[in-house]
Amino acid sequence: MTPTAPGLESLAQRALQDFRQGRFADAAEGFRIVQQAHESAQDPGAAAEAANNRSVALLQAGRPEEARQAVMGTPEVFDLAGDAVRAAQAVGNLATAAEACGDLVGA
């Protein structure tokens, strides 16, 4: 079942609150649910944004490989949408995750 728009916004806000309060694993799970809902709704930009948020939460939770997997492909989504700022942020998130994995070439 895909959450409704108000429900989805509430989930996103809860994930952000979890992140701000240091509950990084909970935040990552919340962003995962939000990402999947946006994917189901065929909203790739919003799904990519949630994936980037999830990546940051996973990094903070000490799960760098999952963070790298979460953010892969998102720079291209933003590029296709013509959003250079979010594409650059996604590249930065990907590099940070790669570095945290010990992949200095990929960073």
PDB file of N, CA and C in Angstrom:
ATOM      1  N   MET A   1       0.837  -1.180   0.000  1.00  0.00           N
ATOM      2  CA  MET A   1       0.000   0.000   0.000  1.00  0.00           C
ATOM      3  C   MET A   1       0.881   1.243   0.000  1.00  0.00           C
ATOM      4  N   THR A   2       0.668   2.122  -0.944  1.00  0.00           N
ATOM      5  CA  THR A   2       1.425   3.363  -1.064  1.00  0.00           C
ATOM      6  C   THR A   2       0.766   4.427  -0.197  1.00  0.00           C
ATOM      7  N   PRO A   3       1.554   5.103   0.649  1.00  0.00           N
ATOM      8  CA  PRO A   3       0.980   6.168   1.473  1.00  0.00           C
ATOM      9  C   PRO A   3       0.432   7.293   0.600  1.00  0.00           C
ATOM     10  N   THR A   4      -0.603   7.959   1.098  1.00  0.00           N
ATOM     11  CA  THR A   4      -1.169   9.117   0.402  1.00  0.00           C
ATOM     12  C   THR A   4      -0.192  10.284   0.518  1.00  0.00           C
ATOM     13  N   ALA A   5      -0.412  11.315  -0.268  1.00  0.00           N
ATOM     14  CA  ALA A   5       0.486  12.475  -0.249  1.00  0.00           C
ATOM     15  C   ALA A   5       0.649  13.065   1.158  1.00  0.00           C
ATOM     16  N   PRO A   6      -0.461  13.330   1.902  1.00  0.00           N
ATOM     17  CA  PRO A   6      -0.267  13.855   3.265  1.00  0.00           C
ATOM     18  C   PRO A   6       0.443  12.841   4.165  1.00  0.00           C
ATOM     19  N   GLY A   7       0.103  11.563   4.011  1.00  0.00           N
ATOM     20  CA  GLY A   7       0.760  10.532   4.805  1.00  0.00           C
ATOM     21  C   GLY A   7       2.226  10.413   4.469  1.00  0.00           C
ATOM     22  N   LEU A   8       2.537  10.558   3.198  1.00  0.00           N
ATOM     23  CA  LEU A   8       3.921  10.493   2.743  1.00  0.00           C
ATOM     24  C   LEU A   8       4.725  11.670   3.288  1.00  0.00           C
ATOM     25  N   GLU A   9       4.134  12.836   3.261  1.00  0.00           N
ATOM     26  CA  GLU A   9       4.804  14.015   3.820  1.00  0.00           C
ATOM     27  C   GLU A   9       5.053  13.824   5.320  1.00  0.00           C
ATOM     28  N   SER A  10       4.095  13.234   6.003  1.00  0.00           N
ATOM     29  CA  SER A  10       4.253  12.958   7.427  1.00  0.00           C
ATOM     30  C   SER A  10       5.391  11.972   7.676  1.00  0.00           C
ATOM     31  N   LEU A  11       5.474  10.938   6.835  1.00  0.00           N
ATOM     32  CA  LEU A  11       6.572   9.970   6.953  1.00  0.00           C
ATOM     33  C   LEU A  11       7.924  10.632   6.720  1.00  0.00           C
ATOM     34  N   ALA A  12       7.988  11.496   5.721  1.00  0.00           N
ATOM     35  CA  ALA A  12       9.232  12.200   5.423  1.00  0.00           C
ATOM     36  C   ALA A  12       9.629  13.105   6.586  1.00  0.00           C
ATOM     37  N   GLN A  13       8.665  13.796   7.167  1.00  0.00           N
ATOM     38  CA  GLN A  13       8.948  14.669   8.305  1.00  0.00           C
ATOM     39  C   GLN A  13       9.417  13.861   9.517  1.00  0.00           C
ATOM     40  N   ARG A  14       8.800  12.695   9.708  1.00  0.00           N
ATOM     41  CA  ARG A  14       9.208  11.832  10.826  1.00  0.00           C
ATOM     42  C   ARG A  14      10.643  11.341  10.631  1.00  0.00           C
ATOM     43  N   ALA A  15      10.979  10.957   9.405  1.00  0.00           N
ATOM     44  CA  ALA A  15      12.343  10.500   9.112  1.00  0.00           C
ATOM     45  C   ALA A  15      13.339  11.628   9.370  1.00  0.00           C
ATOM     46  N   LEU A  16      12.989  12.829   8.961  1.00  0.00           N
ATOM     47  CA  LEU A  16      13.856  13.981   9.197  1.00  0.00           C
ATOM     48  C   LEU A  16      14.010  14.250  10.693  1.00  0.00           C
ATOM     49  N   GLN A  17      12.917  14.137  11.425  1.00  0.00           N
ATOM     50  CA  GLN A  17      12.973  14.319  12.882  1.00  0.00           C
ATOM     51  C   GLN A  17      13.861  13.251  13.518  1.00  0.00           C
ATOM     52  N   ASP A  18      13.705  11.998  13.080  1.00  0.00           N
ATOM     53  CA  ASP A  18      14.565  10.929  13.593  1.00  0.00           C
ATOM     54  C   ASP A  18      16.029  11.255  13.332  1.00  0.00           C
ATOM     55  N   PHE A  19      16.327  11.729  12.126  1.00  0.00           N
ATOM     56  CA  PHE A  19      17.703  12.083  11.789  1.00  0.00           C
ATOM     57  C   PHE A  19      18.225  13.167  12.724  1.00  0.00           C
ATOM     58  N   ARG A  20      17.444  14.219  12.893  1.00  0.00           N
ATOM     59  CA  ARG A  20      17.872  15.343  13.734  1.00  0.00           C
ATOM     60  C   ARG A  20      18.078  14.936  15.182  1.00  0.00           C
ATOM     61  N   GLN A  21      17.373  13.892  15.608  1.00  0.00           N
ATOM     62  CA  GLN A  21      17.489  13.437  16.992  1.00  0.00           C
ATOM     63  C   GLN A  21      18.488  12.292  17.135  1.00  0.00           C
ATOM     64  N   GLY A  22      19.233  12.024  16.058  1.00  0.00           N
ATOM     65  CA  GLY A  22      20.293  11.031  16.134  1.00  0.00           C
ATOM     66  C   GLY A  22      19.843   9.587  15.991  1.00  0.00           C
ATOM     67  N   ARG A  23      18.596   9.387  15.596  1.00  0.00           N
ATOM     68  CA  ARG A  23      18.094   8.021  15.379  1.00  0.00           C
ATOM     69  C   ARG A  23      18.281   7.699  13.891  1.00  0.00           C
ATOM     70  N   PHE A  24      19.536   7.475  13.525  1.00  0.00           N
ATOM     71  CA  PHE A  24      19.891   7.377  12.119  1.00  0.00           C
ATOM     72  C   PHE A  24      19.330   6.130  11.439  1.00  0.00           C
ATOM     73  N   ALA A  25      19.318   4.999  12.121  1.00  0.00           N
ATOM     74  CA  ALA A  25      18.758   3.785  11.519  1.00  0.00           C
ATOM     75  C   ALA A  25      17.258   3.957  11.276  1.00  0.00           C
ATOM     76  N   ASP A  26      16.558   4.561  12.220  1.00  0.00           N
ATOM     77  CA  ASP A  26      15.123   4.822  12.045  1.00  0.00           C
ATOM     78  C   ASP A  26      14.893   5.790  10.893  1.00  0.00           C
ATOM     79  N   ALA A  27      15.734   6.812  10.814  1.00  0.00           N
ATOM     80  CA  ALA A  27      15.618   7.788   9.727  1.00  0.00           C
ATOM     81  C   ALA A  27      15.835   7.107   8.382  1.00  0.00           C
ATOM     82  N   ALA A  28      16.846   6.255   8.299  1.00  0.00           N
ATOM     83  CA  ALA A  28      17.134   5.558   7.041  1.00  0.00           C
ATOM     84  C   ALA A  28      15.946   4.704   6.618  1.00  0.00           C
ATOM     85  N   GLU A  29      15.338   4.031   7.562  1.00  0.00           N
ATOM     86  CA  GLU A  29      14.169   3.204   7.238  1.00  0.00           C
ATOM     87  C   GLU A  29      13.003   4.079   6.786  1.00  0.00           C
ATOM     88  N   GLY A  30      12.805   5.192   7.432  1.00  0.00           N
ATOM     89  CA  GLY A  30      11.736   6.104   7.026  1.00  0.00           C
ATOM     90  C   GLY A  30      11.959   6.635   5.621  1.00  0.00           C
ATOM     91  N   PHE A  31      13.191   7.030   5.334  1.00  0.00           N
ATOM     92  CA  PHE A  31      13.496   7.521   3.987  1.00  0.00           C
ATOM     93  C   PHE A  31      13.362   6.409   2.944  1.00  0.00           C
ATOM     94  N   ARG A  32      13.640   5.171   3.330  1.00  0.00           N
ATOM     95  CA  ARG A  32      13.473   4.039   2.411  1.00  0.00           C
ATOM     96  C   ARG A  32      11.997   3.892   2.025  1.00  0.00           C
ATOM     97  N   ILE A  33      11.132   3.997   3.002  1.00  0.00           N
ATOM     98  CA  ILE A  33       9.693   3.890   2.740  1.00  0.00           C
ATOM     99  C   ILE A  33       9.231   5.037   1.838  1.00  0.00           C
ATOM    100  N   VAL A  34       9.711   6.232   2.131  1.00  0.00           N
ATOM    101  CA  VAL A  34       9.356   7.397   1.316  1.00  0.00           C
ATOM    102  C   VAL A  34       9.868   7.208  -0.117  1.00  0.00           C
ATOM    103  N   GLN A  35      11.091   6.729  -0.244  1.00  0.00           N
ATOM    104  CA  GLN A  35      11.670   6.490  -1.567  1.00  0.00           C
ATOM    105  C   GLN A  35      10.818   5.506  -2.366  1.00  0.00           C
ATOM    106  N   GLN A  36      10.462   4.398  -1.732  1.00  0.00           N
ATOM    107  CA  GLN A  36       9.658   3.387  -2.424  1.00  0.00           C
ATOM    108  C   GLN A  36       8.292   3.936  -2.837  1.00  0.00           C
ATOM    109  N   ALA A  37       7.705   4.745  -1.997  1.00  0.00           N
ATOM    110  CA  ALA A  37       6.406   5.330  -2.332  1.00  0.00           C
ATOM    111  C   ALA A  37       6.522   6.248  -3.549  1.00  0.00           C
ATOM    112  N   HIS A  38       7.578   7.039  -3.592  1.00  0.00           N
ATOM    113  CA  HIS A  38       7.784   7.922  -4.744  1.00  0.00           C
ATOM    114  C   HIS A  38       8.080   7.113  -6.013  1.00  0.00           C
ATOM    115  N   GLU A  39       8.816   6.024  -5.856  1.00  0.00           N
ATOM    116  CA  GLU A  39       9.065   5.161  -7.015  1.00  0.00           C
ATOM    117  C   GLU A  39       7.761   4.569  -7.530  1.00  0.00           C
ATOM    118  N   SER A  40       6.903   4.127  -6.615  1.00  0.00           N
ATOM    119  CA  SER A  40       5.599   3.577  -7.004  1.00  0.00           C
ATOM    120  C   SER A  40       4.736   4.618  -7.695  1.00  0.00           C
ATOM    121  N   ALA A  41       4.879   5.868  -7.278  1.00  0.00           N
ATOM    122  CA  ALA A  41       4.109   6.956  -7.869  1.00  0.00           C
ATOM    123  C   ALA A  41       4.773   7.502  -9.138  1.00  0.00           C
ATOM    124  N   GLN A  42       5.862   6.872  -9.541  1.00  0.00           N
ATOM    125  CA  GLN A  42       6.615   7.280 -10.722  1.00  0.00           C
ATOM    126  C   GLN A  42       7.078   8.731 -10.636  1.00  0.00           C
ATOM    127  N   ASP A  43       7.646   9.065  -9.499  1.00  0.00           N
ATOM    128  CA  ASP A  43       8.210  10.393  -9.263  1.00  0.00           C
ATOM    129  C   ASP A  43       9.705  10.225  -8.990  1.00  0.00           C
ATOM    130  N   PRO A  44      10.513  10.081 -10.063  1.00  0.00           N
ATOM    131  CA  PRO A  44      11.927   9.761  -9.872  1.00  0.00           C
ATOM    132  C   PRO A  44      12.723  10.833  -9.134  1.00  0.00           C
ATOM    133  N   GLY A  45      12.382  12.094  -9.320  1.00  0.00           N
ATOM    134  CA  GLY A  45      13.106  13.150  -8.616  1.00  0.00           C
ATOM    135  C   GLY A  45      12.923  13.077  -7.115  1.00  0.00           C
ATOM    136  N   ALA A  46      11.680  12.899  -6.692  1.00  0.00           N
ATOM    137  CA  ALA A  46      11.406  12.793  -5.252  1.00  0.00           C
ATOM    138  C   ALA A  46      11.993  11.506  -4.688  1.00  0.00           C
ATOM    139  N   ALA A  47      11.951  10.426  -5.467  1.00  0.00           N
ATOM    140  CA  ALA A  47      12.547   9.164  -5.020  1.00  0.00           C
ATOM    141  C   ALA A  47      14.058   9.319  -4.855  1.00  0.00           C
ATOM    142  N   ALA A  48      14.696  10.014  -5.787  1.00  0.00           N
ATOM    143  CA  ALA A  48      16.143  10.232  -5.701  1.00  0.00           C
ATOM    144  C   ALA A  48      16.491  11.107  -4.505  1.00  0.00           C
ATOM    145  N   GLU A  49      15.663  12.104  -4.224  1.00  0.00           N
ATOM    146  CA  GLU A  49      15.892  12.953  -3.049  1.00  0.00           C
ATOM    147  C   GLU A  49      15.822  12.122  -1.767  1.00  0.00           C
ATOM    148  N   ALA A  50      14.807  11.258  -1.675  1.00  0.00           N
ATOM    149  CA  ALA A  50      14.679  10.390  -0.500  1.00  0.00           C
ATOM    150  C   ALA A  50      15.861   9.431  -0.413  1.00  0.00           C
ATOM    151  N   ALA A  51      16.331   8.934  -1.555  1.00  0.00           N
ATOM    152  CA  ALA A  51      17.485   8.029  -1.570  1.00  0.00           C
ATOM    153  C   ALA A  51      18.736   8.740  -1.053  1.00  0.00           C
ATOM    154  N   ASN A  52      18.907   9.997  -1.425  1.00  0.00           N
ATOM    155  CA  ASN A  52      20.049  10.753  -0.921  1.00  0.00           C
ATOM    156  C   ASN A  52      19.946  10.988   0.574  1.00  0.00           C
ATOM    157  N   ASN A  53      18.761  11.311   1.048  1.00  0.00           N
ATOM    158  CA  ASN A  53      18.564  11.468   2.490  1.00  0.00           C
ATOM    159  C   ASN A  53      18.846  10.162   3.211  1.00  0.00           C
ATOM    160  N   ARG A  54      18.377   9.068   2.630  1.00  0.00           N
ATOM    161  CA  ARG A  54      18.626   7.747   3.208  1.00  0.00           C
ATOM    162  C   ARG A  54      20.122   7.455   3.263  1.00  0.00           C
ATOM    163  N   SER A  55      20.834   7.809   2.207  1.00  0.00           N
ATOM    164  CA  SER A  55      22.271   7.583   2.163  1.00  0.00           C
ATOM    165  C   SER A  55      22.986   8.299   3.305  1.00  0.00           C
ATOM    166  N   VAL A  56      22.635   9.547   3.527  1.00  0.00           N
ATOM    167  CA  VAL A  56      23.258  10.320   4.602  1.00  0.00           C
ATOM    168  C   VAL A  56      22.948   9.687   5.959  1.00  0.00           C
ATOM    169  N   ALA A  57      21.709   9.260   6.153  1.00  0.00           N
ATOM    170  CA  ALA A  57      21.333   8.614   7.417  1.00  0.00           C
ATOM    171  C   ALA A  57      22.096   7.304   7.604  1.00  0.00           C
ATOM    172  N   LEU A  58      22.231   6.533   6.539  1.00  0.00           N
ATOM    173  CA  LEU A  58      22.973   5.269   6.630  1.00  0.00           C
ATOM    174  C   LEU A  58      24.445   5.509   6.960  1.00  0.00           C
ATOM    175  N   LEU A  59      25.025   6.536   6.376  1.00  0.00           N
ATOM    176  CA  LEU A  59      26.411   6.871   6.718  1.00  0.00           C
ATOM    177  C   LEU A  59      26.538   7.192   8.202  1.00  0.00           C
ATOM    178  N   GLN A  60      25.612   8.000   8.702  1.00  0.00           N
ATOM    179  CA  GLN A  60      25.643   8.355  10.121  1.00  0.00           C
ATOM    180  C   GLN A  60      25.413   7.139  11.015  1.00  0.00           C
ATOM    181  N   ALA A  61      24.690   6.154  10.493  1.00  0.00           N
ATOM    182  CA  ALA A  61      24.430   4.924  11.249  1.00  0.00           C
ATOM    183  C   ALA A  61      25.596   3.936  11.156  1.00  0.00           C
ATOM    184  N   GLY A  62      26.636   4.319  10.429  1.00  0.00           N
ATOM    185  CA  GLY A  62      27.804   3.448  10.313  1.00  0.00           C
ATOM    186  C   GLY A  62      27.624   2.329   9.302  1.00  0.00           C
ATOM    187  N   ARG A  63      26.802   2.560   8.289  1.00  0.00           N
ATOM    188  CA  ARG A  63      26.511   1.546   7.274  1.00  0.00           C
ATOM    189  C   ARG A  63      26.877   2.087   5.888  1.00  0.00           C
ATOM    190  N   PRO A  64      28.192   2.279   5.640  1.00  0.00           N
ATOM    191  CA  PRO A  64      28.615   2.969   4.420  1.00  0.00           C
ATOM    192  C   PRO A  64      28.309   2.227   3.124  1.00  0.00           C
ATOM    193  N   GLU A  65      28.399   0.920   3.102  1.00  0.00           N
ATOM    194  CA  GLU A  65      28.113   0.206   1.852  1.00  0.00           C
ATOM    195  C   GLU A  65      26.642   0.349   1.472  1.00  0.00           C
ATOM    196  N   GLU A  66      25.756   0.270   2.452  1.00  0.00           N
ATOM    197  CA  GLU A  66      24.333   0.489   2.173  1.00  0.00           C
ATOM    198  C   GLU A  66      24.101   1.931   1.709  1.00  0.00           C
ATOM    199  N   ALA A  67      24.850   2.866   2.295  1.00  0.00           N
ATOM    200  CA  ALA A  67      24.734   4.272   1.899  1.00  0.00           C
ATOM    201  C   ALA A  67      25.133   4.443   0.441  1.00  0.00           C
ATOM    202  N   ARG A  68      26.210   3.788   0.057  1.00  0.00           N
ATOM    203  CA  ARG A  68      26.656   3.889  -1.335  1.00  0.00           C
ATOM    204  C   ARG A  68      25.619   3.294  -2.269  1.00  0.00           C
ATOM    205  N   GLN A  69      25.071   2.143  -1.918  1.00  0.00           N
ATOM    206  CA  GLN A  69      24.049   1.518  -2.755  1.00  0.00           C
ATOM    207  C   GLN A  69      22.806   2.399  -2.869  1.00  0.00           C
ATOM    208  N   ALA A  70      22.443   3.041  -1.771  1.00  0.00           N
ATOM    209  CA  ALA A  70      21.231   3.877  -1.765  1.00  0.00           C
ATOM    210  C   ALA A  70      21.342   5.058  -2.724  1.00  0.00           C
ATOM    211  N   VAL A  71      22.520   5.638  -2.840  1.00  0.00           N
ATOM    212  CA  VAL A  71      22.678   6.870  -3.615  1.00  0.00           C
ATOM    213  C   VAL A  71      23.071   6.612  -5.074  1.00  0.00           C
ATOM    214  N   MET A  72      23.463   5.395  -5.388  1.00  0.00           N
ATOM    215  CA  MET A  72      23.871   5.099  -6.770  1.00  0.00           C
ATOM    216  C   MET A  72      22.740   5.390  -7.752  1.00  0.00           C
ATOM    217  N   GLY A  73      23.089   6.057  -8.822  1.00  0.00           N
ATOM    218  CA  GLY A  73      22.129   6.373  -9.870  1.00  0.00           C
ATOM    219  C   GLY A  73      21.381   7.678  -9.671  1.00  0.00           C
ATOM    220  N   THR A  74      21.447   8.240  -8.475  1.00  0.00           N
ATOM    221  CA  THR A  74      20.687   9.466  -8.245  1.00  0.00           C
ATOM    222  C   THR A  74      21.273  10.694  -8.935  1.00  0.00           C
ATOM    223  N   PRO A  75      22.616  10.800  -9.092  1.00  0.00           N
ATOM    224  CA  PRO A  75      23.099  11.969  -9.832  1.00  0.00           C
ATOM    225  C   PRO A  75      22.527  12.032 -11.248  1.00  0.00           C
ATOM    226  N   GLU A  76      22.402  10.877 -11.875  1.00  0.00           N
ATOM    227  CA  GLU A  76      21.871  10.826 -13.234  1.00  0.00           C
ATOM    228  C   GLU A  76      20.395  11.238 -13.280  1.00  0.00           C
ATOM    229  N   VAL A  77      19.637  10.852 -12.266  1.00  0.00           N
ATOM    230  CA  VAL A  77      18.223  11.250 -12.204  1.00  0.00           C
ATOM    231  C   VAL A  77      18.115  12.771 -12.166  1.00  0.00           C
ATOM    232  N   PHE A  78      18.932  13.389 -11.332  1.00  0.00           N
ATOM    233  CA  PHE A  78      18.892  14.847 -11.219  1.00  0.00           C
ATOM    234  C   PHE A  78      19.400  15.508 -12.496  1.00  0.00           C
ATOM    235  N   ASP A  79      20.438  14.919 -13.109  1.00  0.00           N
ATOM    236  CA  ASP A  79      20.933  15.458 -14.387  1.00  0.00           C
ATOM    237  C   ASP A  79      19.828  15.447 -15.434  1.00  0.00           C
ATOM    238  N   LEU A  80      19.112  14.326 -15.534  1.00  0.00           N
ATOM    239  CA  LEU A  80      18.025  14.228 -16.515  1.00  0.00           C
ATOM    240  C   LEU A  80      16.922  15.249 -16.258  1.00  0.00           C
ATOM    241  N   ALA A  81      16.745  15.593 -14.992  1.00  0.00           N
ATOM    242  CA  ALA A  81      15.722  16.582 -14.627  1.00  0.00           C
ATOM    243  C   ALA A  81      16.236  18.017 -14.794  1.00  0.00           C
ATOM    244  N   GLY A  82      17.518  18.166 -15.129  1.00  0.00           N
ATOM    245  CA  GLY A  82      18.091  19.498 -15.287  1.00  0.00           C
ATOM    246  C   GLY A  82      18.375  20.193 -13.974  1.00  0.00           C
ATOM    247  N   ASP A  83      18.523  19.417 -12.900  1.00  0.00           N
ATOM    248  CA  ASP A  83      18.756  19.979 -11.566  1.00  0.00           C
ATOM    249  C   ASP A  83      20.230  19.793 -11.200  1.00  0.00           C
ATOM    250  N   ALA A  84      21.050  20.753 -11.639  1.00  0.00           N
ATOM    251  CA  ALA A  84      22.492  20.655 -11.436  1.00  0.00           C
ATOM    252  C   ALA A  84      22.885  20.695  -9.959  1.00  0.00           C
ATOM    253  N   VAL A  85      22.158  21.442  -9.154  1.00  0.00           N
ATOM    254  CA  VAL A  85      22.501  21.559  -7.729  1.00  0.00           C
ATOM    255  C   VAL A  85      22.312  20.222  -7.022  1.00  0.00           C
ATOM    256  N   ARG A  86      21.148  19.608  -7.219  1.00  0.00           N
ATOM    257  CA  ARG A  86      20.913  18.317  -6.558  1.00  0.00           C
ATOM    258  C   ARG A  86      21.791  17.224  -7.159  1.00  0.00           C
ATOM    259  N   ALA A  87      22.110  17.322  -8.442  1.00  0.00           N
ATOM    260  CA  ALA A  87      23.031  16.352  -9.054  1.00  0.00           C
ATOM    261  C   ALA A  87      24.400  16.445  -8.383  1.00  0.00           C
ATOM    262  N   ALA A  88      24.860  17.667  -8.152  1.00  0.00           N
ATOM    263  CA  ALA A  88      26.157  17.859  -7.495  1.00  0.00           C
ATOM    264  C   ALA A  88      26.125  17.345  -6.055  1.00  0.00           C
ATOM    265  N   GLN A  89      25.031  17.586  -5.361  1.00  0.00           N
ATOM    266  CA  GLN A  89      24.910  17.073  -3.992  1.00  0.00           C
ATOM    267  C   GLN A  89      24.938  15.543  -3.990  1.00  0.00           C
ATOM    268  N   ALA A  90      24.273  14.942  -4.969  1.00  0.00           N
ATOM    269  CA  ALA A  90      24.239  13.489  -5.058  1.00  0.00           C
ATOM    270  C   ALA A  90      25.628  12.925  -5.350  1.00  0.00           C
ATOM    271  N   VAL A  91      26.378  13.602  -6.218  1.00  0.00           N
ATOM    272  CA  VAL A  91      27.755  13.175  -6.497  1.00  0.00           C
ATOM    273  C   VAL A  91      28.579  13.270  -5.208  1.00  0.00           C
ATOM    274  N   GLY A  92      28.383  14.327  -4.461  1.00  0.00           N
ATOM    275  CA  GLY A  92      29.087  14.472  -3.186  1.00  0.00           C
ATOM    276  C   GLY A  92      28.716  13.374  -2.203  1.00  0.00           C
ATOM    277  N   ASN A  93      27.434  13.029  -2.131  1.00  0.00           N
ATOM    278  CA  ASN A  93      27.002  11.950  -1.243  1.00  0.00           C
ATOM    279  C   ASN A  93      27.598  10.619  -1.685  1.00  0.00           C
ATOM    280  N   LEU A  94      27.652  10.387  -2.982  1.00  0.00           N
ATOM    281  CA  LEU A  94      28.226   9.154  -3.509  1.00  0.00           C
ATOM    282  C   LEU A  94      29.718   9.080  -3.178  1.00  0.00           C
ATOM    283  N   ALA A  95      30.423  10.185  -3.351  1.00  0.00           N
ATOM    284  CA  ALA A  95      31.852  10.218  -3.036  1.00  0.00           C
ATOM    285  C   ALA A  95      32.099  10.007  -1.544  1.00  0.00           C
ATOM    286  N   THR A  96      31.284  10.609  -0.719  1.00  0.00           N
ATOM    287  CA  THR A  96      31.434  10.444   0.730  1.00  0.00           C
ATOM    288  C   THR A  96      31.217   8.989   1.137  1.00  0.00           C
ATOM    289  N   ALA A  97      30.201   8.361   0.553  1.00  0.00           N
ATOM    290  CA  ALA A  97      29.928   6.956   0.860  1.00  0.00           C
ATOM    291  C   ALA A  97      31.061   6.060   0.362  1.00  0.00           C
ATOM    292  N   ALA A  98      31.559   6.350  -0.841  1.00  0.00           N
ATOM    293  CA  ALA A  98      32.671   5.568  -1.384  1.00  0.00           C
ATOM    294  C   ALA A  98      33.890   5.689  -0.487  1.00  0.00           C
ATOM    295  N   GLU A  99      34.187   6.900  -0.050  1.00  0.00           N
ATOM    296  CA  GLU A  99      35.327   7.122   0.840  1.00  0.00           C
ATOM    297  C   GLU A  99      35.142   6.369   2.152  1.00  0.00           C
ATOM    298  N   ALA A 100      33.945   6.394   2.700  1.00  0.00           N
ATOM    299  CA  ALA A 100      33.664   5.691   3.953  1.00  0.00           C
ATOM    300  C   ALA A 100      33.828   4.179   3.792  1.00  0.00           C
ATOM    301  N   CYS A 101      33.654   3.696   2.560  1.00  0.00           N
ATOM    302  CA  CYS A 101      33.840   2.271   2.272  1.00  0.00           C
ATOM    303  C   CYS A 101      35.317   1.944   2.028  1.00  0.00           C
ATOM    304  N   GLY A 102      36.165   2.958   2.025  1.00  0.00           N
ATOM    305  CA  GLY A 102      37.577   2.745   1.760  1.00  0.00           C
ATOM    306  C   GLY A 102      37.921   2.769   0.293  1.00  0.00           C
ATOM    307  N   ASP A 103      36.965   3.152  -0.536  1.00  0.00           N
ATOM    308  CA  ASP A 103      37.161   3.209  -1.984  1.00  0.00           C
ATOM    309  C   ASP A 103      37.583   4.611  -2.363  1.00  0.00           C
ATOM    310  N   LEU A 104      38.886   4.882  -2.251  1.00  0.00           N
ATOM    311  CA  LEU A 104      39.364   6.221  -2.535  1.00  0.00           C
ATOM    312  C   LEU A 104      39.390   6.522  -4.031  1.00  0.00           C
ATOM    313  N   VAL A 105      39.431   5.491  -4.869  1.00  0.00           N
ATOM    314  CA  VAL A 105      39.360   5.698  -6.310  1.00  0.00           C
ATOM    315  C   VAL A 105      37.944   6.131  -6.689  1.00  0.00           C
ATOM    316  N   GLY A 106      36.939   5.478  -6.104  1.00  0.00           N
ATOM    317  CA  GLY A 106      35.543   5.815  -6.384  1.00  0.00           C
ATOM    318  C   GLY A 106      35.124   7.125  -5.771  1.00  0.00           C
ATOM    319  N   ALA A 107      35.860   7.586  -4.778  1.00  0.00           N
ATOM    320  CA  ALA A 107      35.523   8.847  -4.113  1.00  0.00           C
ATOM    321  C   ALA A 107      35.986   9.985  -4.979  1.00  0.00           C
TER     322      ALA A 107
END
